[in-house]
Amino acid sequence: AYQEGIMSGDKIIQVDSTSTIGMNQRDSAELIRG
């Protein structure tokens, strides 16, 4: 993430094809990990 230029304050609105709006932090983190 650091090397590709993601910055503090960036809002993650979607992971792959799944919207994260309204999703809790734990479930969102599980989408990002793999």
PDB file of all heavy atoms in Angstrom:
ATOM      1  N   ALA A   1       0.829  -1.205   0.000  1.00  0.00           N
ATOM      2  CA  ALA A   1       0.000   0.000   0.000  1.00  0.00           C
ATOM      3  C   ALA A   1       0.864   1.255   0.000  1.00  0.00           C
ATOM      4  O   ALA A   1       0.578   2.228  -0.706  1.00  0.00           O
ATOM      5  CB  ALA A   1      -0.923  -0.007   1.221  1.00  0.00           C
ATOM      6  N   TYR A   2       1.920   1.250   0.795  1.00  0.00           N
ATOM      7  CA  TYR A   2       2.835   2.398   0.885  1.00  0.00           C
ATOM      8  C   TYR A   2       3.525   2.630  -0.458  1.00  0.00           C
ATOM      9  O   TYR A   2       3.618   3.758  -0.950  1.00  0.00           O
ATOM     10  CB  TYR A   2       3.858   2.126   1.986  1.00  0.00           C
ATOM     11  CG  TYR A   2       4.845   3.238   2.241  1.00  0.00           C
ATOM     12  CD1 TYR A   2       4.565   4.245   3.161  1.00  0.00           C
ATOM     13  CD2 TYR A   2       6.063   3.269   1.577  1.00  0.00           C
ATOM     14  CE1 TYR A   2       5.478   5.253   3.412  1.00  0.00           C
ATOM     15  CE2 TYR A   2       6.978   4.280   1.811  1.00  0.00           C
ATOM     16  CZ  TYR A   2       6.686   5.272   2.730  1.00  0.00           C
ATOM     17  OH  TYR A   2       7.592   6.277   2.964  1.00  0.00           O
ATOM     18  N   GLN A   3       4.015   1.553  -1.065  1.00  0.00           N
ATOM     19  CA  GLN A   3       4.760   1.667  -2.322  1.00  0.00           C
ATOM     20  C   GLN A   3       3.877   2.126  -3.484  1.00  0.00           C
ATOM     21  O   GLN A   3       4.351   2.805  -4.397  1.00  0.00           O
ATOM     22  CB  GLN A   3       5.415   0.328  -2.644  1.00  0.00           C
ATOM     23  CG  GLN A   3       6.530  -0.025  -1.666  1.00  0.00           C
ATOM     24  CD  GLN A   3       7.014  -1.461  -1.810  1.00  0.00           C
ATOM     25  OE1 GLN A   3       6.366  -2.280  -2.461  1.00  0.00           O
ATOM     26  NE2 GLN A   3       8.143  -1.763  -1.192  1.00  0.00           N
ATOM     27  N   GLU A   4       2.584   1.790  -3.447  1.00  0.00           N
ATOM     28  CA  GLU A   4       1.684   2.174  -4.529  1.00  0.00           C
ATOM     29  C   GLU A   4       1.086   3.564  -4.338  1.00  0.00           C
ATOM     30  O   GLU A   4       0.396   4.074  -5.213  1.00  0.00           O
ATOM     31  CB  GLU A   4       0.564   1.144  -4.680  1.00  0.00           C
ATOM     32  CG  GLU A   4       1.042  -0.208  -5.203  1.00  0.00           C
ATOM     33  CD  GLU A   4       1.623  -0.115  -6.606  1.00  0.00           C
ATOM     34  OE1 GLU A   4       1.102   0.667  -7.417  1.00  0.00           O
ATOM     35  OE2 GLU A   4       2.604  -0.823  -6.871  1.00  0.00           O
ATOM     36  N   GLY A   5       1.314   4.164  -3.165  1.00  0.00           N
ATOM     37  CA  GLY A   5       0.887   5.553  -2.978  1.00  0.00           C
ATOM     38  C   GLY A   5      -0.397   5.764  -2.206  1.00  0.00           C
ATOM     39  O   GLY A   5      -0.958   6.866  -2.218  1.00  0.00           O
ATOM     40  N   ILE A   6      -0.891   4.747  -1.504  1.00  0.00           N
ATOM     41  CA  ILE A   6      -2.058   4.947  -0.641  1.00  0.00           C
ATOM     42  C   ILE A   6      -1.638   5.825   0.541  1.00  0.00           C
ATOM     43  O   ILE A   6      -0.557   5.667   1.106  1.00  0.00           O
ATOM     44  CB  ILE A   6      -2.621   3.593  -0.174  1.00  0.00           C
ATOM     45  CG1 ILE A   6      -3.303   2.906  -1.357  1.00  0.00           C
ATOM     46  CG2 ILE A   6      -3.597   3.760   0.974  1.00  0.00           C
ATOM     47  CD1 ILE A   6      -3.932   1.578  -1.044  1.00  0.00           C
ATOM     48  N   MET A   7      -2.509   6.764   0.912  1.00  0.00           N
ATOM     49  CA  MET A   7      -2.159   7.784   1.900  1.00  0.00           C
ATOM     50  C   MET A   7      -3.092   7.749   3.103  1.00  0.00           C
ATOM     51  O   MET A   7      -4.227   7.272   3.017  1.00  0.00           O
ATOM     52  CB  MET A   7      -2.210   9.174   1.245  1.00  0.00           C
ATOM     53  CG  MET A   7      -1.284   9.329   0.059  1.00  0.00           C
ATOM     54  SD  MET A   7      -1.587  10.859  -0.880  1.00  0.00           S
ATOM     55  CE  MET A   7      -1.246  12.085   0.383  1.00  0.00           C
ATOM     56  N   SER A   8      -2.599   8.285   4.218  1.00  0.00           N
ATOM     57  CA  SER A   8      -3.449   8.454   5.403  1.00  0.00           C
ATOM     58  C   SER A   8      -4.639   9.335   5.044  1.00  0.00           C
ATOM     59  O   SER A   8      -4.489  10.352   4.356  1.00  0.00           O
ATOM     60  CB  SER A   8      -2.654   9.112   6.531  1.00  0.00           C
ATOM     61  OG  SER A   8      -1.571   8.303   6.922  1.00  0.00           O
ATOM     62  N   GLY A   9      -5.820   8.964   5.513  1.00  0.00           N
ATOM     63  CA  GLY A   9      -7.026   9.726   5.221  1.00  0.00           C
ATOM     64  C   GLY A   9      -7.803   9.240   4.027  1.00  0.00           C
ATOM     65  O   GLY A   9      -8.976   9.609   3.843  1.00  0.00           O
ATOM     66  N   ASP A  10      -7.177   8.400   3.180  1.00  0.00           N
ATOM     67  CA  ASP A  10      -7.899   7.837   2.038  1.00  0.00           C
ATOM     68  C   ASP A  10      -9.098   7.022   2.531  1.00  0.00           C
ATOM     69  O   ASP A  10      -8.988   6.260   3.499  1.00  0.00           O
ATOM     70  CB  ASP A  10      -6.981   6.923   1.216  1.00  0.00           C
ATOM     71  CG  ASP A  10      -6.027   7.703   0.327  1.00  0.00           C
ATOM     72  OD1 ASP A  10      -6.201   8.927   0.196  1.00  0.00           O
ATOM     73  OD2 ASP A  10      -5.105   7.075  -0.235  1.00  0.00           O
ATOM     74  N   LYS A  11     -10.228   7.167   1.857  1.00  0.00           N
ATOM     75  CA  LYS A  11     -11.427   6.409   2.204  1.00  0.00           C
ATOM     76  C   LYS A  11     -11.528   5.194   1.271  1.00  0.00           C
ATOM     77  O   LYS A  11     -11.498   5.347   0.050  1.00  0.00           O
ATOM     78  CB  LYS A  11     -12.678   7.270   2.067  1.00  0.00           C
ATOM     79  CG  LYS A  11     -12.709   8.438   3.052  1.00  0.00           C
ATOM     80  CD  LYS A  11     -13.991   9.249   2.879  1.00  0.00           C
ATOM     81  CE  LYS A  11     -14.061  10.383   3.889  1.00  0.00           C
ATOM     82  NZ  LYS A  11     -15.319  11.177   3.738  1.00  0.00           N
ATOM     83  N   ILE A  12     -11.644   4.015   1.853  1.00  0.00           N
ATOM     84  CA  ILE A  12     -11.787   2.796   1.061  1.00  0.00           C
ATOM     85  C   ILE A  12     -13.284   2.556   0.860  1.00  0.00           C
ATOM     86  O   ILE A  12     -13.989   2.170   1.793  1.00  0.00           O
ATOM     87  CB  ILE A  12     -11.135   1.594   1.756  1.00  0.00           C
ATOM     88  CG1 ILE A  12      -9.652   1.885   2.048  1.00  0.00           C
ATOM     89  CG2 ILE A  12     -11.266   0.341   0.902  1.00  0.00           C
ATOM     90  CD1 ILE A  12      -8.961   0.818   2.867  1.00  0.00           C
ATOM     91  N   ILE A  13     -13.763   2.804  -0.333  1.00  0.00           N
ATOM     92  CA  ILE A  13     -15.211   2.703  -0.575  1.00  0.00           C
ATOM     93  C   ILE A  13     -15.609   1.365  -1.207  1.00  0.00           C
ATOM     94  O   ILE A  13     -16.780   1.011  -1.213  1.00  0.00           O
ATOM     95  CB  ILE A  13     -15.700   3.870  -1.458  1.00  0.00           C
ATOM     96  CG1 ILE A  13     -14.922   3.931  -2.771  1.00  0.00           C
ATOM     97  CG2 ILE A  13     -15.579   5.188  -0.703  1.00  0.00           C
ATOM     98  CD1 ILE A  13     -15.400   5.014  -3.719  1.00  0.00           C
ATOM     99  N   GLN A  14     -14.607   0.633  -1.707  1.00  0.00           N
ATOM    100  CA  GLN A  14     -14.921  -0.648  -2.324  1.00  0.00           C
ATOM    101  C   GLN A  14     -13.674  -1.531  -2.320  1.00  0.00           C
ATOM    102  O   GLN A  14     -12.559  -1.051  -2.509  1.00  0.00           O
ATOM    103  CB  GLN A  14     -15.393  -0.429  -3.770  1.00  0.00           C
ATOM    104  CG  GLN A  14     -15.888  -1.670  -4.484  1.00  0.00           C
ATOM    105  CD  GLN A  14     -16.458  -1.329  -5.860  1.00  0.00           C
ATOM    106  OE1 GLN A  14     -17.238  -0.379  -5.996  1.00  0.00           O
ATOM    107  NE2 GLN A  14     -16.070  -2.076  -6.876  1.00  0.00           N
ATOM    108  N   VAL A  15     -13.858  -2.818  -2.057  1.00  0.00           N
ATOM    109  CA  VAL A  15     -12.781  -3.806  -2.149  1.00  0.00           C
ATOM    110  C   VAL A  15     -13.183  -4.812  -3.215  1.00  0.00           C
ATOM    111  O   VAL A  15     -14.212  -5.488  -3.089  1.00  0.00           O
ATOM    112  CB  VAL A  15     -12.551  -4.521  -0.799  1.00  0.00           C
ATOM    113  CG1 VAL A  15     -11.452  -5.577  -0.939  1.00  0.00           C
ATOM    114  CG2 VAL A  15     -12.188  -3.521   0.294  1.00  0.00           C
ATOM    115  N   ASP A  16     -12.404  -4.873  -4.283  1.00  0.00           N
ATOM    116  CA  ASP A  16     -12.787  -5.651  -5.469  1.00  0.00           C
ATOM    117  C   ASP A  16     -14.174  -5.183  -5.915  1.00  0.00           C
ATOM    118  O   ASP A  16     -14.339  -4.011  -6.203  1.00  0.00           O
ATOM    119  CB  ASP A  16     -12.722  -7.150  -5.184  1.00  0.00           C
ATOM    120  CG  ASP A  16     -11.280  -7.645  -5.011  1.00  0.00           C
ATOM    121  OD1 ASP A  16     -10.379  -7.070  -5.639  1.00  0.00           O
ATOM    122  OD2 ASP A  16     -11.067  -8.595  -4.233  1.00  0.00           O
ATOM    123  N   SER A  17     -15.168  -6.034  -5.914  1.00  0.00           N
ATOM    124  CA  SER A  17     -16.501  -5.620  -6.366  1.00  0.00           C
ATOM    125  C   SER A  17     -17.465  -5.381  -5.211  1.00  0.00           C
ATOM    126  O   SER A  17     -18.652  -5.145  -5.425  1.00  0.00           O
ATOM    127  CB  SER A  17     -17.093  -6.692  -7.292  1.00  0.00           C
ATOM    128  OG  SER A  17     -17.206  -7.926  -6.603  1.00  0.00           O
ATOM    129  N   THR A  18     -16.956  -5.381  -3.976  1.00  0.00           N
ATOM    130  CA  THR A  18     -17.814  -5.273  -2.795  1.00  0.00           C
ATOM    131  C   THR A  18     -17.703  -3.893  -2.158  1.00  0.00           C
ATOM    132  O   THR A  18     -16.606  -3.455  -1.798  1.00  0.00           O
ATOM    133  CB  THR A  18     -17.438  -6.342  -1.739  1.00  0.00           C
ATOM    134  OG1 THR A  18     -17.506  -7.636  -2.341  1.00  0.00           O
ATOM    135  CG2 THR A  18     -18.370  -6.286  -0.540  1.00  0.00           C
ATOM    136  N   SER A  19     -18.826  -3.219  -2.003  1.00  0.00           N
ATOM    137  CA  SER A  19     -18.839  -1.915  -1.343  1.00  0.00           C
ATOM    138  C   SER A  19     -18.594  -2.096   0.153  1.00  0.00           C
ATOM    139  O   SER A  19     -19.120  -3.023   0.783  1.00  0.00           O
ATOM    140  CB  SER A  19     -20.185  -1.224  -1.566  1.00  0.00           C
ATOM    141  OG  SER A  19     -20.285  -0.057  -0.765  1.00  0.00           O
ATOM    142  N   THR A  20     -17.806  -1.205   0.733  1.00  0.00           N
ATOM    143  CA  THR A  20     -17.542  -1.263   2.170  1.00  0.00           C
ATOM    144  C   THR A  20     -18.412  -0.283   2.956  1.00  0.00           C
ATOM    145  O   THR A  20     -18.321  -0.235   4.185  1.00  0.00           O
ATOM    146  CB  THR A  20     -16.061  -0.932   2.454  1.00  0.00           C
ATOM    147  OG1 THR A  20     -15.784   0.404   1.995  1.00  0.00           O
ATOM    148  CG2 THR A  20     -15.127  -1.916   1.766  1.00  0.00           C
ATOM    149  N   ILE A  21     -19.231   0.499   2.282  1.00  0.00           N
ATOM    150  CA  ILE A  21     -20.070   1.484   2.958  1.00  0.00           C
ATOM    151  C   ILE A  21     -21.063   0.759   3.874  1.00  0.00           C
ATOM    152  O   ILE A  21     -21.832  -0.092   3.428  1.00  0.00           O
ATOM    153  CB  ILE A  21     -20.820   2.378   1.957  1.00  0.00           C
ATOM    154  CG1 ILE A  21     -19.824   3.075   1.017  1.00  0.00           C
ATOM    155  CG2 ILE A  21     -21.665   3.406   2.693  1.00  0.00           C
ATOM    156  CD1 ILE A  21     -18.806   3.945   1.699  1.00  0.00           C
ATOM    157  N   GLY A  22     -21.020   1.093   5.148  1.00  0.00           N
ATOM    158  CA  GLY A  22     -21.899   0.465   6.117  1.00  0.00           C
ATOM    159  C   GLY A  22     -21.373  -0.840   6.674  1.00  0.00           C
ATOM    160  O   GLY A  22     -21.938  -1.391   7.611  1.00  0.00           O
ATOM    161  N   MET A  23     -20.288  -1.369   6.107  1.00  0.00           N
ATOM    162  CA  MET A  23     -19.705  -2.612   6.592  1.00  0.00           C
ATOM    163  C   MET A  23     -18.835  -2.317   7.813  1.00  0.00           C
ATOM    164  O   MET A  23     -18.199  -1.260   7.895  1.00  0.00           O
ATOM    165  CB  MET A  23     -18.859  -3.245   5.481  1.00  0.00           C
ATOM    166  CG  MET A  23     -18.327  -4.642   5.810  1.00  0.00           C
ATOM    167  SD  MET A  23     -17.355  -5.333   4.426  1.00  0.00           S
ATOM    168  CE  MET A  23     -18.637  -5.564   3.203  1.00  0.00           C
ATOM    169  N   ASN A  24     -18.803  -3.230   8.782  1.00  0.00           N
ATOM    170  CA  ASN A  24     -17.968  -2.974   9.960  1.00  0.00           C
ATOM    171  C   ASN A  24     -16.496  -3.212   9.640  1.00  0.00           C
ATOM    172  O   ASN A  24     -16.135  -3.794   8.609  1.00  0.00           O
ATOM    173  CB  ASN A  24     -18.433  -3.813  11.163  1.00  0.00           C
ATOM    174  CG  ASN A  24     -18.270  -5.310  10.945  1.00  0.00           C
ATOM    175  OD1 ASN A  24     -17.253  -5.781  10.457  1.00  0.00           O
ATOM    176  ND2 ASN A  24     -19.281  -6.072  11.326  1.00  0.00           N
ATOM    177  N   GLN A  25     -15.648  -2.755  10.547  1.00  0.00           N
ATOM    178  CA  GLN A  25     -14.208  -2.773  10.309  1.00  0.00           C
ATOM    179  C   GLN A  25     -13.666  -4.192  10.176  1.00  0.00           C
ATOM    180  O   GLN A  25     -12.821  -4.470   9.326  1.00  0.00           O
ATOM    181  CB  GLN A  25     -13.491  -2.039  11.451  1.00  0.00           C
ATOM    182  CG  GLN A  25     -11.985  -1.912  11.254  1.00  0.00           C
ATOM    183  CD  GLN A  25     -11.355  -1.041  12.315  1.00  0.00           C
ATOM    184  OE1 GLN A  25     -11.971  -0.101  12.804  1.00  0.00           O
ATOM    185  NE2 GLN A  25     -10.124  -1.348  12.696  1.00  0.00           N
ATOM    186  N   ARG A  26     -14.162  -5.103  11.004  1.00  0.00           N
ATOM    187  CA  ARG A  26     -13.656  -6.482  10.960  1.00  0.00           C
ATOM    188  C   ARG A  26     -13.953  -7.131   9.618  1.00  0.00           C
ATOM    189  O   ARG A  26     -13.075  -7.756   9.010  1.00  0.00           O
ATOM    190  CB  ARG A  26     -14.273  -7.300  12.088  1.00  0.00           C
ATOM    191  CG  ARG A  26     -13.805  -8.766  12.072  1.00  0.00           C
ATOM    192  CD  ARG A  26     -14.588  -9.618  13.049  1.00  0.00           C
ATOM    193  NE  ARG A  26     -14.406  -9.198  14.408  1.00  0.00           N
ATOM    194  CZ  ARG A  26     -14.958  -9.808  15.452  1.00  0.00           C
ATOM    195  NH1 ARG A  26     -15.746 -10.855  15.260  1.00  0.00           N
ATOM    196  NH2 ARG A  26     -14.749  -9.376  16.682  1.00  0.00           N
ATOM    197  N   ASP A  27     -15.183  -6.993   9.139  1.00  0.00           N
ATOM    198  CA  ASP A  27     -15.557  -7.617   7.871  1.00  0.00           C
ATOM    199  C   ASP A  27     -14.796  -6.990   6.705  1.00  0.00           C
ATOM    200  O   ASP A  27     -14.409  -7.688   5.757  1.00  0.00           O
ATOM    201  CB  ASP A  27     -17.068  -7.490   7.643  1.00  0.00           C
ATOM    202  CG  ASP A  27     -17.876  -8.347   8.603  1.00  0.00           C
ATOM    203  OD1 ASP A  27     -17.297  -9.263   9.215  1.00  0.00           O
ATOM    204  OD2 ASP A  27     -19.091  -8.082   8.763  1.00  0.00           O
ATOM    205  N   SER A  28     -14.587  -5.684   6.775  1.00  0.00           N
ATOM    206  CA  SER A  28     -13.822  -5.011   5.718  1.00  0.00           C
ATOM    207  C   SER A  28     -12.383  -5.513   5.690  1.00  0.00           C
ATOM    208  O   SER A  28     -11.814  -5.754   4.625  1.00  0.00           O
ATOM    209  CB  SER A  28     -13.836  -3.497   5.947  1.00  0.00           C
ATOM    210  OG  SER A  28     -15.149  -2.980   5.886  1.00  0.00           O
ATOM    211  N   ALA A  29     -11.791  -5.677   6.871  1.00  0.00           N
ATOM    212  CA  ALA A  29     -10.412  -6.159   6.949  1.00  0.00           C
ATOM    213  C   ALA A  29     -10.295  -7.567   6.381  1.00  0.00           C
ATOM    214  O   ALA A  29      -9.303  -7.901   5.711  1.00  0.00           O
ATOM    215  CB  ALA A  29      -9.931  -6.125   8.399  1.00  0.00           C
ATOM    216  N   GLU A  30     -11.303  -8.396   6.625  1.00  0.00           N
ATOM    217  CA  GLU A  30     -11.281  -9.764   6.092  1.00  0.00           C
ATOM    218  C   GLU A  30     -11.325  -9.759   4.566  1.00  0.00           C
ATOM    219  O   GLU A  30     -10.747 -10.635   3.921  1.00  0.00           O
ATOM    220  CB  GLU A  30     -12.459 -10.565   6.649  1.00  0.00           C
ATOM    221  CG  GLU A  30     -12.333 -10.913   8.124  1.00  0.00           C
ATOM    222  CD  GLU A  30     -11.085 -11.722   8.435  1.00  0.00           C
ATOM    223  OE1 GLU A  30     -10.771 -12.653   7.664  1.00  0.00           O
ATOM    224  OE2 GLU A  30     -10.404 -11.416   9.424  1.00  0.00           O
ATOM    225  N   LEU A  31     -12.015  -8.778   3.975  1.00  0.00           N
ATOM    226  CA  LEU A  31     -12.047  -8.670   2.515  1.00  0.00           C
ATOM    227  C   LEU A  31     -10.670  -8.321   1.956  1.00  0.00           C
ATOM    228  O   LEU A  31     -10.270  -8.820   0.902  1.00  0.00           O
ATOM    229  CB  LEU A  31     -13.036  -7.580   2.079  1.00  0.00           C
ATOM    230  CG  LEU A  31     -14.528  -7.891   2.109  1.00  0.00           C
ATOM    231  CD1 LEU A  31     -15.306  -6.649   1.696  1.00  0.00           C
ATOM    232  CD2 LEU A  31     -14.860  -9.052   1.176  1.00  0.00           C
ATOM    233  N   ILE A  32      -9.969  -7.463   2.676  1.00  0.00           N
ATOM    234  CA  ILE A  32      -8.666  -6.991   2.184  1.00  0.00           C
ATOM    235  C   ILE A  32      -7.605  -8.072   2.321  1.00  0.00           C
ATOM    236  O   ILE A  32      -6.750  -8.239   1.457  1.00  0.00           O
ATOM    237  CB  ILE A  32      -8.251  -5.710   2.927  1.00  0.00           C
ATOM    238  CG1 ILE A  32      -9.250  -4.587   2.620  1.00  0.00           C
ATOM    239  CG2 ILE A  32      -6.839  -5.279   2.540  1.00  0.00           C
ATOM    240  CD1 ILE A  32      -9.076  -3.353   3.475  1.00  0.00           C
ATOM    241  N   ARG A  33      -7.654  -8.823   3.418  1.00  0.00           N
ATOM    242  CA  ARG A  33      -6.687  -9.903   3.599  1.00  0.00           C
ATOM    243  C   ARG A  33      -7.020 -11.062   2.675  1.00  0.00           C
ATOM    244  O   ARG A  33      -8.136 -11.223   2.207  1.00  0.00           O
ATOM    245  CB  ARG A  33      -6.710 -10.402   5.047  1.00  0.00           C
ATOM    246  CG  ARG A  33      -6.263  -9.362   6.047  1.00  0.00           C
ATOM    247  CD  ARG A  33      -6.046 -10.015   7.399  1.00  0.00           C
ATOM    248  NE  ARG A  33      -5.840  -8.995   8.417  1.00  0.00           N
ATOM    249  CZ  ARG A  33      -6.711  -8.701   9.368  1.00  0.00           C
ATOM    250  NH1 ARG A  33      -7.851  -9.355   9.458  1.00  0.00           N
ATOM    251  NH2 ARG A  33      -6.454  -7.760  10.252  1.00  0.00           N
ATOM    252  N   GLY A  34      -6.025 -11.888   2.442  1.00  0.00           N
ATOM    253  CA  GLY A  34      -6.254 -13.061   1.602  1.00  0.00           C
ATOM    254  C   GLY A  34      -4.977 -13.838   1.409  1.00  0.00           C
ATOM    255  O   GLY A  34      -3.968 -13.595   2.079  1.00  0.00           O
TER     256      GLY A  34
END
